[in-house]
Structures are given as C-alpha cells and as structure tokens.
Amino acid sequence: MILIKLGGSVITDKRRYRTFRESTVRRLAREILGSGEKVMIIHGAGSFGHVVAKKYALHLGRMSEEQVKGVAQVSWDVRDLDNRFMKALADEGLDAVSIVPGSAAKLSEGRLCELDVSKFKDYFALGITPVSFGDVVLDDVRGFGICSGDQLMARLAKDLRPRKVIFVTDVDGVFTSDPHMDPDAELLRTIDRGVLSSLPRSERCDDVTGSIFAKLEHMLDMAESTEEVMIINGNVPGRLCSALRGEELVCSRVRSG
C-alpha cells in the first residue's frame, strides 16, 4: 500500500477562498489509476480551510464564543471541498470512500490522540480507496482544534506501515529557500535530521497547520515506518505516476537516519 498526501496548494488555489482545482485533481486521479498501485489518500484543505481557520484562530482551541461560527464554517467548507474532490475521483473511475475526521479523530492539546484506523484498513481490504482530509475536530482539553492532513498521515504511516509515502505539493520538493521568491533556491534531494537542523528558520507561518519544519518532523518520523518518503511536484503532469511506479524523478527524499 502507498499513502499519498495531496496538498492543499495543489488541489486548491490557496490565494483565493474556496477555489477548487478540479482539472488537476482529475489528472492526478488518472495518474493513480494508471500506475496500477493501491493507495490511501489524504488531501489538504487549502483555501477551503486555512482562510477561515486562521481568521478565528481555531488551531488555538476555544477562547471565545465568536469562534463557534468559525468551527461551523470551516466544517462546512472542508466537507464541500471533500465532496468536490470525491466527485472528481469518481468521474475518473477511481472508487473511493471518504472518512470524515470529525467523527473518526480526536485531539488532546492539539495532538492527535484518537483515530479509528480500522475504517481505513477495512475499506482498503474491500478494494476501495480510503480518503480523508484536514478538519476541525474535538479536543479533550481545548474544546476543538485543527486535525491536519499531516497528523493523519503520520498516524496512518505508524499504524499501517505503508511501503511508500508520497507528499504531493506545488514545488519539486524542499529547497534551501522559498523557490517562489528566490530564483537561486536549491532543491534538497535528500533530507535527514541533520539537514533539517541546518535550514534557515523563519518566524513567519501563514498556515494554521504549522510551518514546513513541523511538517518535515512528521515526515522524518514517518521515514522510520516505511521504505521511502518523497516530496514531489503535483503540478508537473506524470510526476505522481512516476513516483508511484518507482521511476526516477525530480523530488526530495526524506531519510530517518
């Protein structure tokens, strides 16, 4: 089994509220089908989740009555995204079922403490592709919080030990600086804890699910449970199919050592 994270930067336009990139998702579905591999999929929330979640600071837990509106709106928005996502898969012939984190997961002080992994296993055993996504869920200390797609990926990798984990983003991998801003940014082909500690850190973080460093920490943990963790560019046609087939491609690979 191969575990795939389709990032919010690929399946949505993160600069525009609730903008779904249907043609991209349909192409990625065709690449998955064309690879012949059996997968589980987690997708990000992108502009359907982060805009409102940041406005109401939902990642910090319940602090005011006003946040209740934000919980309801984000819950609706990410389910709307998931419905569009699932329809795009179905239109391409990829048989999948959505597992909603709001009813399958629970946090404790922002950490994922409960996840009904059996639902993923059971659907997969039936030949159905399980799909889940970043969502607002209950937190037994803070009231509620954001369960990110990366948290779901880390838990599934630990419990199910997939053969390969693929993170699909809007860039070729991890760079020495932001490739969207710096033309001299260099792609890091291999990342381990030593490389991570040497990367320059920025105080800025516009994403309620955490910085790139937090995401890489999750990936390094995952690398201990699987043969390979890759970060690839989903905007390049054919790249996901190549990664699934084990072909050579431009990417970053995360190593546990």
C-alpha atoms as a PDB file:
ATOM      1  CA  MET A   1       0.000   0.000   0.000  1.00  0.00           C
ATOM      2  CA  ILE A   2       1.138   3.533  -0.783  1.00  0.00           C
ATOM      3  CA  LEU A   3      -0.006   6.506   1.293  1.00  0.00           C
ATOM      4  CA  ILE A   4      -0.494   9.786  -0.606  1.00  0.00           C
ATOM      5  CA  LYS A   5      -0.981  13.331   0.674  1.00  0.00           C
ATOM      6  CA  LEU A   6      -2.391  15.663  -1.968  1.00  0.00           C
ATOM      7  CA  GLY A   7      -1.538  19.069  -0.575  1.00  0.00           C
ATOM      8  CA  GLY A   8      -3.936  21.979  -0.423  1.00  0.00           C
ATOM      9  CA  SER A   9      -1.561  24.016  -2.603  1.00  0.00           C
ATOM     10  CA  VAL A  10      -2.135  21.523  -5.428  1.00  0.00           C
ATOM     11  CA  ILE A  11      -5.855  20.799  -5.221  1.00  0.00           C
ATOM     12  CA  THR A  12      -6.902  24.407  -4.432  1.00  0.00           C
ATOM     13  CA  ASP A  13      -5.691  27.913  -5.181  1.00  0.00           C
ATOM     14  CA  LYS A  14      -4.550  28.898  -1.675  1.00  0.00           C
ATOM     15  CA  ARG A  15      -4.631  32.582  -2.618  1.00  0.00           C
ATOM     16  CA  ARG A  16      -8.362  32.541  -3.398  1.00  0.00           C
ATOM     17  CA  TYR A  17     -11.017  31.464  -0.908  1.00  0.00           C
ATOM     18  CA  ARG A  18     -12.803  28.204  -1.850  1.00  0.00           C
ATOM     19  CA  THR A  19     -11.162  27.757  -5.264  1.00  0.00           C
ATOM     20  CA  PHE A  20     -11.009  24.087  -6.287  1.00  0.00           C
ATOM     21  CA  ARG A  21      -8.613  22.899  -8.998  1.00  0.00           C
ATOM     22  CA  GLU A  22     -10.828  20.198 -10.471  1.00  0.00           C
ATOM     23  CA  SER A  23      -8.791  19.554 -13.618  1.00  0.00           C
ATOM     24  CA  THR A  24      -5.649  18.995 -11.541  1.00  0.00           C
ATOM     25  CA  VAL A  25      -7.405  16.535  -9.224  1.00  0.00           C
ATOM     26  CA  ARG A  26      -8.852  14.634 -12.161  1.00  0.00           C
ATOM     27  CA  ARG A  27      -5.411  14.378 -13.767  1.00  0.00           C
ATOM     28  CA  LEU A  28      -3.886  13.127 -10.514  1.00  0.00           C
ATOM     29  CA  ALA A  29      -6.675  10.540 -10.235  1.00  0.00           C
ATOM     30  CA  ARG A  30      -5.806   9.303 -13.726  1.00  0.00           C
ATOM     31  CA  GLU A  31      -2.150   9.057 -12.741  1.00  0.00           C
ATOM     32  CA  ILE A  32      -3.036   6.983  -9.680  1.00  0.00           C
ATOM     33  CA  LEU A  33      -5.181   4.657 -11.766  1.00  0.00           C
ATOM     34  CA  GLY A  34      -2.533   4.470 -14.480  1.00  0.00           C
ATOM     35  CA  SER A  35       0.138   3.392 -12.001  1.00  0.00           C
ATOM     36  CA  GLY A  36      -1.782   0.259 -11.041  1.00  0.00           C
ATOM     37  CA  GLU A  37      -0.941   0.826  -7.363  1.00  0.00           C
ATOM     38  CA  LYS A  38      -3.362   0.541  -4.444  1.00  0.00           C
ATOM     39  CA  VAL A  39      -3.343   3.686  -2.329  1.00  0.00           C
ATOM     40  CA  MET A  40      -4.851   5.597   0.558  1.00  0.00           C
ATOM     41  CA  ILE A  41      -5.308   9.346   0.083  1.00  0.00           C
ATOM     42  CA  ILE A  42      -5.251  12.293   2.467  1.00  0.00           C
ATOM     43  CA  HIS A  43      -5.936  15.717   0.997  1.00  0.00           C
ATOM     44  CA  GLY A  44      -5.277  19.151   2.385  1.00  0.00           C
ATOM     45  CA  ALA A  45      -7.895  21.837   2.975  1.00  0.00           C
ATOM     46  CA  GLY A  46      -6.096  24.658   1.175  1.00  0.00           C
ATOM     47  CA  SER A  47      -8.199  27.769   0.670  1.00  0.00           C
ATOM     48  CA  PHE A  48     -11.303  25.936   1.892  1.00  0.00           C
ATOM     49  CA  GLY A  49      -9.922  25.546   5.404  1.00  0.00           C
ATOM     50  CA  HIS A  50      -6.996  27.793   6.228  1.00  0.00           C
ATOM     51  CA  VAL A  51      -8.562  31.182   5.473  1.00  0.00           C
ATOM     52  CA  VAL A  52     -11.403  30.928   7.996  1.00  0.00           C
ATOM     53  CA  ALA A  53      -9.454  28.774  10.470  1.00  0.00           C
ATOM     54  CA  LYS A  54      -6.777  31.462  10.658  1.00  0.00           C
ATOM     55  CA  LYS A  55      -9.344  34.264  10.985  1.00  0.00           C
ATOM     56  CA  TYR A  56     -10.877  32.609  14.058  1.00  0.00           C
ATOM     57  CA  ALA A  57      -7.592  31.104  15.400  1.00  0.00           C
ATOM     58  CA  LEU A  58      -9.207  27.678  15.612  1.00  0.00           C
ATOM     59  CA  HIS A  59      -5.829  25.960  15.986  1.00  0.00           C
ATOM     60  CA  LEU A  60      -5.524  27.543  19.452  1.00  0.00           C
ATOM     61  CA  GLY A  61      -8.712  25.948  20.753  1.00  0.00           C
ATOM     62  CA  ARG A  62     -11.788  27.591  22.213  1.00  0.00           C
ATOM     63  CA  MET A  63     -11.108  31.072  23.559  1.00  0.00           C
ATOM     64  CA  SER A  64     -14.332  32.941  22.720  1.00  0.00           C
ATOM     65  CA  GLU A  65     -17.942  32.407  21.707  1.00  0.00           C
ATOM     66  CA  GLU A  66     -17.207  34.033  18.345  1.00  0.00           C
ATOM     67  CA  GLN A  67     -15.063  31.052  17.336  1.00  0.00           C
ATOM     68  CA  VAL A  68     -18.115  28.800  17.213  1.00  0.00           C
ATOM     69  CA  LYS A  69     -19.060  30.482  13.931  1.00  0.00           C
ATOM     70  CA  GLY A  70     -15.614  29.657  12.601  1.00  0.00           C
ATOM     71  CA  VAL A  71     -15.889  25.995  13.587  1.00  0.00           C
ATOM     72  CA  ALA A  72     -19.205  25.693  11.767  1.00  0.00           C
ATOM     73  CA  GLN A  73     -17.923  27.499   8.655  1.00  0.00           C
ATOM     74  CA  VAL A  74     -14.677  25.526   8.371  1.00  0.00           C
ATOM     75  CA  SER A  75     -16.547  22.275   8.948  1.00  0.00           C
ATOM     76  CA  TRP A  76     -18.887  23.136   6.083  1.00  0.00           C
ATOM     77  CA  ASP A  77     -16.135  24.406   3.787  1.00  0.00           C
ATOM     78  CA  VAL A  78     -13.841  21.380   4.097  1.00  0.00           C
ATOM     79  CA  ARG A  79     -16.753  19.000   3.564  1.00  0.00           C
ATOM     80  CA  ASP A  80     -17.719  20.923   0.459  1.00  0.00           C
ATOM     81  CA  LEU A  81     -14.129  20.585  -0.770  1.00  0.00           C
ATOM     82  CA  ASP A  82     -14.141  16.871   0.027  1.00  0.00           C
ATOM     83  CA  ASN A  83     -17.400  16.382  -1.871  1.00  0.00           C
ATOM     84  CA  ARG A  84     -15.907  18.085  -4.929  1.00  0.00           C
ATOM     85  CA  PHE A  85     -12.717  16.058  -4.525  1.00  0.00           C
ATOM     86  CA  MET A  86     -14.609  12.762  -4.274  1.00  0.00           C
ATOM     87  CA  LYS A  87     -16.735  13.591  -7.325  1.00  0.00           C
ATOM     88  CA  ALA A  88     -13.591  14.316  -9.347  1.00  0.00           C
ATOM     89  CA  LEU A  89     -12.192  10.905  -8.375  1.00  0.00           C
ATOM     90  CA  ALA A  90     -15.474   9.190  -9.233  1.00  0.00           C
ATOM     91  CA  ASP A  91     -15.673  10.951 -12.594  1.00  0.00           C
ATOM     92  CA  GLU A  92     -12.285   9.429 -13.472  1.00  0.00           C
ATOM     93  CA  GLY A  93     -13.304   5.950 -12.304  1.00  0.00           C
ATOM     94  CA  LEU A  94     -11.362   5.853  -9.041  1.00  0.00           C
ATOM     95  CA  ASP A  95     -13.554   4.047  -6.484  1.00  0.00           C
ATOM     96  CA  ALA A  96     -13.131   5.806  -3.144  1.00  0.00           C
ATOM     97  CA  VAL A  97     -14.933   6.480   0.128  1.00  0.00           C
ATOM     98  CA  SER A  98     -14.486   9.489   2.404  1.00  0.00           C
ATOM     99  CA  ILE A  99     -13.666   9.008   6.087  1.00  0.00           C
ATOM    100  CA  VAL A 100     -14.546  12.227   7.923  1.00  0.00           C
ATOM    101  CA  PRO A 101     -12.033  13.138  10.684  1.00  0.00           C
ATOM    102  CA  GLY A 102     -14.725  14.949  12.669  1.00  0.00           C
ATOM    103  CA  SER A 103     -16.247  11.563  13.519  1.00  0.00           C
ATOM    104  CA  ALA A 104     -13.099   9.410  13.412  1.00  0.00           C
ATOM    105  CA  ALA A 105     -10.460  11.503  15.210  1.00  0.00           C
ATOM    106  CA  LYS A 106      -9.876  13.382  18.461  1.00  0.00           C
ATOM    107  CA  LEU A 107      -7.160  15.726  19.692  1.00  0.00           C
ATOM    108  CA  SER A 108      -5.637  16.370  23.090  1.00  0.00           C
ATOM    109  CA  GLU A 109      -3.933  19.779  23.395  1.00  0.00           C
ATOM    110  CA  GLY A 110      -3.595  19.899  19.632  1.00  0.00           C
ATOM    111  CA  ARG A 111      -2.092  16.413  19.302  1.00  0.00           C
ATOM    112  CA  LEU A 112      -3.890  13.581  17.554  1.00  0.00           C
ATOM    113  CA  CYS A 113      -4.755  11.130  20.325  1.00  0.00           C
ATOM    114  CA  GLU A 114      -7.507   9.037  18.702  1.00  0.00           C
ATOM    115  CA  LEU A 115      -8.065   7.854  15.131  1.00  0.00           C
ATOM    116  CA  ASP A 116     -10.241   4.954  14.014  1.00  0.00           C
ATOM    117  CA  VAL A 117      -7.647   3.369  11.743  1.00  0.00           C
ATOM    118  CA  SER A 118      -9.817   0.257  11.316  1.00  0.00           C
ATOM    119  CA  LYS A 119     -12.081   2.162   8.908  1.00  0.00           C
ATOM    120  CA  PHE A 120      -9.121   2.790   6.599  1.00  0.00           C
ATOM    121  CA  LYS A 121      -7.993  -0.843   6.795  1.00  0.00           C
ATOM    122  CA  ASP A 122     -11.445  -2.300   6.240  1.00  0.00           C
ATOM    123  CA  TYR A 123     -12.303  -0.189   3.191  1.00  0.00           C
ATOM    124  CA  PHE A 124      -8.863  -0.832   1.704  1.00  0.00           C
ATOM    125  CA  ALA A 125      -9.344  -4.587   2.181  1.00  0.00           C
ATOM    126  CA  LEU A 126     -12.557  -4.319   0.148  1.00  0.00           C
ATOM    127  CA  GLY A 127     -10.652  -2.765  -2.763  1.00  0.00           C
ATOM    128  CA  ILE A 128     -11.997   0.721  -2.053  1.00  0.00           C
ATOM    129  CA  THR A 129      -9.626   3.688  -1.775  1.00  0.00           C
ATOM    130  CA  PRO A 130      -9.963   5.394   1.639  1.00  0.00           C
ATOM    131  CA  VAL A 131      -9.842   9.201   1.529  1.00  0.00           C
ATOM    132  CA  SER A 132      -9.619  11.649   4.435  1.00  0.00           C
ATOM    133  CA  PHE A 133      -8.687  15.290   4.956  1.00  0.00           C
ATOM    134  CA  GLY A 134      -7.703  18.050   7.364  1.00  0.00           C
ATOM    135  CA  ASP A 135     -10.661  19.050   9.545  1.00  0.00           C
ATOM    136  CA  VAL A 136     -11.897  20.716  12.723  1.00  0.00           C
ATOM    137  CA  VAL A 137     -12.272  18.054  15.432  1.00  0.00           C
ATOM    138  CA  LEU A 138     -12.937  17.835  19.158  1.00  0.00           C
ATOM    139  CA  ASP A 139     -10.044  18.401  21.569  1.00  0.00           C
ATOM    140  CA  ASP A 140     -10.494  16.966  25.066  1.00  0.00           C
ATOM    141  CA  VAL A 141      -8.545  19.869  26.621  1.00  0.00           C
ATOM    142  CA  ARG A 142      -9.067  22.858  24.297  1.00  0.00           C
ATOM    143  CA  GLY A 143     -12.603  22.068  23.171  1.00  0.00           C
ATOM    144  CA  PHE A 144     -11.729  21.882  19.491  1.00  0.00           C
ATOM    145  CA  GLY A 145      -8.739  22.202  17.192  1.00  0.00           C
ATOM    146  CA  ILE A 146      -7.370  21.528  13.724  1.00  0.00           C
ATOM    147  CA  CYS A 147      -6.524  17.937  12.834  1.00  0.00           C
ATOM    148  CA  SER A 148      -4.167  18.446   9.906  1.00  0.00           C
ATOM    149  CA  GLY A 149      -3.657  16.129   6.990  1.00  0.00           C
ATOM    150  CA  ASP A 150      -0.044  15.746   8.112  1.00  0.00           C
ATOM    151  CA  GLN A 151      -1.180  14.467  11.521  1.00  0.00           C
ATOM    152  CA  LEU A 152      -3.404  11.921   9.803  1.00  0.00           C
ATOM    153  CA  MET A 153      -0.533  10.882   7.543  1.00  0.00           C
ATOM    154  CA  ALA A 154       1.819  10.390  10.489  1.00  0.00           C
ATOM    155  CA  ARG A 155      -0.673   8.235  12.386  1.00  0.00           C
ATOM    156  CA  LEU A 156      -1.576   6.094   9.376  1.00  0.00           C
ATOM    157  CA  ALA A 157       2.090   5.597   8.490  1.00  0.00           C
ATOM    158  CA  LYS A 158       2.846   4.469  12.038  1.00  0.00           C
ATOM    159  CA  ASP A 159      -0.106   2.088  12.331  1.00  0.00           C
ATOM    160  CA  LEU A 160      -0.315   0.722   8.777  1.00  0.00           C
ATOM    161  CA  ARG A 161       3.362   0.859   7.726  1.00  0.00           C
ATOM    162  CA  PRO A 162       2.847   1.619   4.018  1.00  0.00           C
ATOM    163  CA  ARG A 163       5.500   0.636   1.503  1.00  0.00           C
ATOM    164  CA  LYS A 164       5.887   4.244   0.397  1.00  0.00           C
ATOM    165  CA  VAL A 165       4.646   7.697   1.450  1.00  0.00           C
ATOM    166  CA  ILE A 166       4.278  10.462  -1.151  1.00  0.00           C
ATOM    167  CA  PHE A 167       3.627  14.128  -0.393  1.00  0.00           C
ATOM    168  CA  VAL A 168       2.317  15.953  -3.460  1.00  0.00           C
ATOM    169  CA  THR A 169       2.957  19.721  -3.355  1.00  0.00           C
ATOM    170  CA  ASP A 170       3.234  22.672  -5.757  1.00  0.00           C
ATOM    171  CA  VAL A 171       7.059  22.593  -5.880  1.00  0.00           C
ATOM    172  CA  ASP A 172       9.677  19.946  -6.718  1.00  0.00           C
ATOM    173  CA  GLY A 173      10.499  19.259  -3.061  1.00  0.00           C
ATOM    174  CA  VAL A 174      12.205  21.086  -0.203  1.00  0.00           C
ATOM    175  CA  PHE A 175      14.529  23.941  -1.133  1.00  0.00           C
ATOM    176  CA  THR A 176      17.199  25.939   0.675  1.00  0.00           C
ATOM    177  CA  SER A 177      14.801  28.916   0.474  1.00  0.00           C
ATOM    178  CA  ASP A 178      11.362  29.653  -0.975  1.00  0.00           C
ATOM    179  CA  PRO A 179      11.604  28.785  -4.709  1.00  0.00           C
ATOM    180  CA  HIS A 180       8.624  31.044  -5.423  1.00  0.00           C
ATOM    181  CA  MET A 181      10.601  34.029  -4.116  1.00  0.00           C
ATOM    182  CA  ASP A 182      14.267  33.111  -4.640  1.00  0.00           C
ATOM    183  CA  PRO A 183      15.485  32.086  -8.128  1.00  0.00           C
ATOM    184  CA  ASP A 184      18.724  30.798  -6.563  1.00  0.00           C
ATOM    185  CA  ALA A 185      16.936  28.373  -4.233  1.00  0.00           C
ATOM    186  CA  GLU A 186      18.440  24.884  -4.461  1.00  0.00           C
ATOM    187  CA  LEU A 187      16.498  21.637  -4.285  1.00  0.00           C
ATOM    188  CA  LEU A 188      17.499  19.341  -1.427  1.00  0.00           C
ATOM    189  CA  ARG A 189      17.482  15.840  -2.901  1.00  0.00           C
ATOM    190  CA  THR A 190      17.850  14.131   0.485  1.00  0.00           C
ATOM    191  CA  ILE A 191      16.651  15.356   3.874  1.00  0.00           C
ATOM    192  CA  ASP A 192      17.545  13.924   7.271  1.00  0.00           C
ATOM    193  CA  ARG A 193      17.542  15.432  10.753  1.00  0.00           C
ATOM    194  CA  GLY A 194      20.975  16.943  10.193  1.00  0.00           C
ATOM    195  CA  VAL A 195      19.840  18.717   7.045  1.00  0.00           C
ATOM    196  CA  LEU A 196      16.672  19.904   8.782  1.00  0.00           C
ATOM    197  CA  SER A 197      18.630  21.457  11.644  1.00  0.00           C
ATOM    198  CA  SER A 198      20.813  23.371   9.166  1.00  0.00           C
ATOM    199  CA  LEU A 199      17.937  25.008   7.287  1.00  0.00           C
ATOM    200  CA  PRO A 200      17.297  28.720   7.972  1.00  0.00           C
ATOM    201  CA  ARG A 201      14.158  29.207  10.028  1.00  0.00           C
ATOM    202  CA  SER A 202      11.620  31.949   9.538  1.00  0.00           C
ATOM    203  CA  GLU A 203       9.302  33.232  12.226  1.00  0.00           C
ATOM    204  CA  ARG A 204       6.570  33.708   9.655  1.00  0.00           C
ATOM    205  CA  CYS A 205       3.955  30.974   9.348  1.00  0.00           C
ATOM    206  CA  ASP A 206       0.742  31.678   7.452  1.00  0.00           C
ATOM    207  CA  ASP A 207      -0.644  28.158   7.754  1.00  0.00           C
ATOM    208  CA  VAL A 208      -2.682  27.119  10.811  1.00  0.00           C
ATOM    209  CA  THR A 209      -1.413  23.552  10.433  1.00  0.00           C
ATOM    210  CA  GLY A 210       2.183  24.556  11.127  1.00  0.00           C
ATOM    211  CA  SER A 211       5.468  25.505   9.480  1.00  0.00           C
ATOM    212  CA  ILE A 212       7.457  23.471   6.962  1.00  0.00           C
ATOM    213  CA  PHE A 213       9.715  22.418   9.836  1.00  0.00           C
ATOM    214  CA  ALA A 214       6.802  20.856  11.719  1.00  0.00           C
ATOM    215  CA  LYS A 215       5.757  19.089   8.529  1.00  0.00           C
ATOM    216  CA  LEU A 216       9.284  17.767   7.983  1.00  0.00           C
ATOM    217  CA  GLU A 217       9.407  16.496  11.567  1.00  0.00           C
ATOM    218  CA  HIS A 218       6.279  14.455  10.798  1.00  0.00           C
ATOM    219  CA  MET A 219       7.922  13.153   7.617  1.00  0.00           C
ATOM    220  CA  LEU A 220      11.102  12.163   9.458  1.00  0.00           C
ATOM    221  CA  ASP A 221       9.007  10.192  11.933  1.00  0.00           C
ATOM    222  CA  MET A 222       7.194   8.523   9.029  1.00  0.00           C
ATOM    223  CA  ALA A 223      10.507   7.567   7.432  1.00  0.00           C
ATOM    224  CA  GLU A 224      11.068   5.201  10.359  1.00  0.00           C
ATOM    225  CA  SER A 225       7.904   3.251   9.461  1.00  0.00           C
ATOM    226  CA  THR A 226       8.222   2.966   5.686  1.00  0.00           C
ATOM    227  CA  GLU A 227      10.768   2.274   2.974  1.00  0.00           C
ATOM    228  CA  GLU A 228      10.510   5.667   1.318  1.00  0.00           C
ATOM    229  CA  VAL A 229       9.101   9.158   1.937  1.00  0.00           C
ATOM    230  CA  MET A 230       9.033  11.509  -1.053  1.00  0.00           C
ATOM    231  CA  ILE A 231       8.021  15.118  -1.708  1.00  0.00           C
ATOM    232  CA  ILE A 232       7.059  15.726  -5.333  1.00  0.00           C
ATOM    233  CA  ASN A 233       5.536  18.388  -7.587  1.00  0.00           C
ATOM    234  CA  GLY A 234       1.939  17.542  -8.435  1.00  0.00           C
ATOM    235  CA  ASN A 235       1.682  20.370 -10.947  1.00  0.00           C
ATOM    236  CA  VAL A 236       4.026  18.521 -13.312  1.00  0.00           C
ATOM    237  CA  PRO A 237       1.997  16.009 -15.350  1.00  0.00           C
ATOM    238  CA  GLY A 238       3.192  12.432 -14.909  1.00  0.00           C
ATOM    239  CA  ARG A 239       5.235  13.112 -11.793  1.00  0.00           C
ATOM    240  CA  LEU A 240       2.855  11.316  -9.394  1.00  0.00           C
ATOM    241  CA  CYS A 241       2.544   8.307 -11.685  1.00  0.00           C
ATOM    242  CA  SER A 242       6.349   8.074 -11.896  1.00  0.00           C
ATOM    243  CA  ALA A 243       6.652   8.250  -8.108  1.00  0.00           C
ATOM    244  CA  LEU A 244       4.068   5.504  -7.663  1.00  0.00           C
ATOM    245  CA  ARG A 245       5.856   3.279 -10.180  1.00  0.00           C
ATOM    246  CA  GLY A 246       9.251   3.815  -8.574  1.00  0.00           C
ATOM    247  CA  GLU A 247      10.743   5.594 -11.574  1.00  0.00           C
ATOM    248  CA  GLU A 248      13.485   8.209 -11.386  1.00  0.00           C
ATOM    249  CA  LEU A 249      12.161  11.733 -10.943  1.00  0.00           C
ATOM    250  CA  VAL A 250      12.939  15.164  -9.529  1.00  0.00           C
ATOM    251  CA  CYS A 251      11.962  15.178  -5.845  1.00  0.00           C
ATOM    252  CA  SER A 252      13.156  15.364  -2.253  1.00  0.00           C
ATOM    253  CA  ARG A 253      13.508  12.135  -0.288  1.00  0.00           C
ATOM    254  CA  VAL A 254      13.255  12.075   3.494  1.00  0.00           C
ATOM    255  CA  ARG A 255      15.533   9.658   5.383  1.00  0.00           C
ATOM    256  CA  SER A 256      15.246   8.645   9.028  1.00  0.00           C
ATOM    257  CA  GLY A 257      18.989   8.195   9.529  1.00  0.00           C
END
